[in-house]
Amino acid sequence: MLHAMATRSRVVGMCFGILNPKRTFVPEASQKLISIALAQCSSLLETATLYRAANQHARNLETKVQERTQELEKSKEEAQAATRVKSEFLAT
């Protein structure tokens, strides 16, 4: 038995099952149950993937904010130093 594992947006995998050679017929209700279970598994897999991607994006943004904050603090210190030098120059 081969069944696609898919969500509305994409295929996330395939499920392969070996049937008992003595039972080659799978009732329609069992087939529907398998389809429902695999759809739920597919949704869980996609949710986990999206969650990991969102967390990675948040970490990247946090790193960028920290880097930019450091750059701005350095620029502020340089501007304050320049203002002090200018003030000292004008005071003489």
C-alpha atoms as a PDB file:
ATOM      1  CA  MET A   1       0.000   0.000   0.000  1.00  0.00           C
ATOM      2  CA  LEU A   2       1.399   3.389  -0.995  1.00  0.00           C
ATOM      3  CA  HIS A   3      -0.146   6.644   0.189  1.00  0.00           C
ATOM      4  CA  ALA A   4       0.900  10.267  -0.269  1.00  0.00           C
ATOM      5  CA  MET A   5       1.468  12.383   2.834  1.00  0.00           C
ATOM      6  CA  ALA A   6       0.342  15.830   1.764  1.00  0.00           C
ATOM      7  CA  THR A   7      -1.090  19.070   3.081  1.00  0.00           C
ATOM      8  CA  ARG A   8      -3.023  21.613   1.087  1.00  0.00           C
ATOM      9  CA  SER A   9       0.197  23.363   0.135  1.00  0.00           C
ATOM     10  CA  ARG A  10       2.664  20.553  -0.552  1.00  0.00           C
ATOM     11  CA  VAL A  11       3.595  16.884  -0.425  1.00  0.00           C
ATOM     12  CA  VAL A  12       5.654  16.123   2.680  1.00  0.00           C
ATOM     13  CA  GLY A  13       6.318  12.452   2.037  1.00  0.00           C
ATOM     14  CA  MET A  14       5.006   9.038   1.141  1.00  0.00           C
ATOM     15  CA  CYS A  15       3.844   6.192   3.356  1.00  0.00           C
ATOM     16  CA  PHE A  16       4.515   2.627   2.320  1.00  0.00           C
ATOM     17  CA  GLY A  17       2.865  -0.314   4.035  1.00  0.00           C
ATOM     18  CA  ILE A  18       3.070  -4.017   3.374  1.00  0.00           C
ATOM     19  CA  LEU A  19      -0.241  -5.844   3.520  1.00  0.00           C
ATOM     20  CA  ASN A  20      -0.732  -9.289   4.899  1.00  0.00           C
ATOM     21  CA  PRO A  21      -0.601 -11.627   1.868  1.00  0.00           C
ATOM     22  CA  LYS A  22      -3.718 -13.405   3.178  1.00  0.00           C
ATOM     23  CA  ARG A  23      -5.683 -10.122   3.228  1.00  0.00           C
ATOM     24  CA  THR A  24      -5.357  -8.324  -0.077  1.00  0.00           C
ATOM     25  CA  PHE A  25      -8.558  -6.318   0.399  1.00  0.00           C
ATOM     26  CA  VAL A  26      -8.564  -3.197   2.566  1.00  0.00           C
ATOM     27  CA  PRO A  27     -12.061  -1.971   3.465  1.00  0.00           C
ATOM     28  CA  GLU A  28     -12.964   1.548   2.365  1.00  0.00           C
ATOM     29  CA  ALA A  29     -13.472   2.656   5.985  1.00  0.00           C
ATOM     30  CA  SER A  30      -9.922   1.525   6.830  1.00  0.00           C
ATOM     31  CA  GLN A  31      -8.569   3.343   3.779  1.00  0.00           C
ATOM     32  CA  LYS A  32     -10.318   6.551   4.856  1.00  0.00           C
ATOM     33  CA  LEU A  33      -8.999   6.172   8.401  1.00  0.00           C
ATOM     34  CA  ILE A  34      -5.461   5.742   7.072  1.00  0.00           C
ATOM     35  CA  SER A  35      -5.910   8.817   4.873  1.00  0.00           C
ATOM     36  CA  ILE A  36      -7.112  10.892   7.832  1.00  0.00           C
ATOM     37  CA  ALA A  37      -4.244   9.739  10.050  1.00  0.00           C
ATOM     38  CA  LEU A  38      -1.642  10.461   7.355  1.00  0.00           C
ATOM     39  CA  ALA A  39      -3.172  13.887   6.683  1.00  0.00           C
ATOM     40  CA  GLN A  40      -2.819  14.698  10.384  1.00  0.00           C
ATOM     41  CA  CYS A  41       0.791  13.475  10.384  1.00  0.00           C
ATOM     42  CA  SER A  42       1.487  15.585   7.304  1.00  0.00           C
ATOM     43  CA  SER A  43       0.042  18.672   8.981  1.00  0.00           C
ATOM     44  CA  LEU A  44       2.160  18.028  12.075  1.00  0.00           C
ATOM     45  CA  LEU A  45       5.305  17.664   9.974  1.00  0.00           C
ATOM     46  CA  GLU A  46       4.572  20.878   8.083  1.00  0.00           C
ATOM     47  CA  THR A  47       3.790  22.743  11.322  1.00  0.00           C
ATOM     48  CA  ALA A  48       7.062  21.585  12.865  1.00  0.00           C
ATOM     49  CA  THR A  49       8.983  22.711   9.774  1.00  0.00           C
ATOM     50  CA  LEU A  50       7.302  26.124   9.789  1.00  0.00           C
ATOM     51  CA  TYR A  51       7.899  26.487  13.541  1.00  0.00           C
ATOM     52  CA  ARG A  52      11.624  25.770  13.110  1.00  0.00           C
ATOM     53  CA  ALA A  53      11.824  28.269  10.242  1.00  0.00           C
ATOM     54  CA  ALA A  54      10.048  30.959  12.282  1.00  0.00           C
ATOM     55  CA  ASN A  55      12.372  30.378  15.245  1.00  0.00           C
ATOM     56  CA  GLN A  56      15.431  30.587  13.008  1.00  0.00           C
ATOM     57  CA  HIS A  57      14.131  33.811  11.483  1.00  0.00           C
ATOM     58  CA  ALA A  58      13.522  35.271  14.961  1.00  0.00           C
ATOM     59  CA  ARG A  59      17.090  34.355  16.026  1.00  0.00           C
ATOM     60  CA  ASN A  60      18.482  35.958  12.877  1.00  0.00           C
ATOM     61  CA  LEU A  61      16.492  39.125  13.518  1.00  0.00           C
ATOM     62  CA  GLU A  62      17.658  39.222  17.125  1.00  0.00           C
ATOM     63  CA  THR A  63      21.275  38.933  15.992  1.00  0.00           C
ATOM     64  CA  LYS A  64      20.805  41.727  13.441  1.00  0.00           C
ATOM     65  CA  VAL A  65      19.226  43.981  16.075  1.00  0.00           C
ATOM     66  CA  GLN A  66      22.154  43.367  18.445  1.00  0.00           C
ATOM     67  CA  GLU A  67      24.690  44.080  15.687  1.00  0.00           C
ATOM     68  CA  ARG A  68      22.894  47.251  14.615  1.00  0.00           C
ATOM     69  CA  THR A  69      22.588  48.420  18.242  1.00  0.00           C
ATOM     70  CA  GLN A  70      26.345  47.993  18.701  1.00  0.00           C
ATOM     71  CA  GLU A  71      26.994  49.945  15.499  1.00  0.00           C
ATOM     72  CA  LEU A  72      24.707  52.756  16.651  1.00  0.00           C
ATOM     73  CA  GLU A  73      26.329  52.867  20.107  1.00  0.00           C
ATOM     74  CA  LYS A  74      29.761  53.098  18.497  1.00  0.00           C
ATOM     75  CA  SER A  75      28.568  55.893  16.179  1.00  0.00           C
ATOM     76  CA  LYS A  76      27.042  57.727  19.151  1.00  0.00           C
ATOM     77  CA  GLU A  77      30.302  57.492  21.115  1.00  0.00           C
ATOM     78  CA  GLU A  78      32.262  58.761  18.105  1.00  0.00           C
ATOM     79  CA  ALA A  79      29.830  61.666  17.675  1.00  0.00           C
ATOM     80  CA  GLN A  80      30.085  62.542  21.372  1.00  0.00           C
ATOM     81  CA  ALA A  81      33.896  62.421  21.177  1.00  0.00           C
ATOM     82  CA  ALA A  82      33.826  64.701  18.133  1.00  0.00           C
ATOM     83  CA  THR A  83      31.525  67.112  19.980  1.00  0.00           C
ATOM     84  CA  ARG A  84      33.931  67.201  22.956  1.00  0.00           C
ATOM     85  CA  VAL A  85      36.900  67.895  20.672  1.00  0.00           C
ATOM     86  CA  LYS A  86      34.958  70.662  18.931  1.00  0.00           C
ATOM     87  CA  SER A  87      33.908  72.181  22.265  1.00  0.00           C
ATOM     88  CA  GLU A  88      37.494  72.096  23.547  1.00  0.00           C
ATOM     89  CA  PHE A  89      38.726  73.679  20.337  1.00  0.00           C
ATOM     90  CA  LEU A  90      36.150  76.464  20.502  1.00  0.00           C
ATOM     91  CA  ALA A  91      36.889  77.055  24.200  1.00  0.00           C
ATOM     92  CA  THR A  92      40.551  77.843  23.469  1.00  0.00           C
END
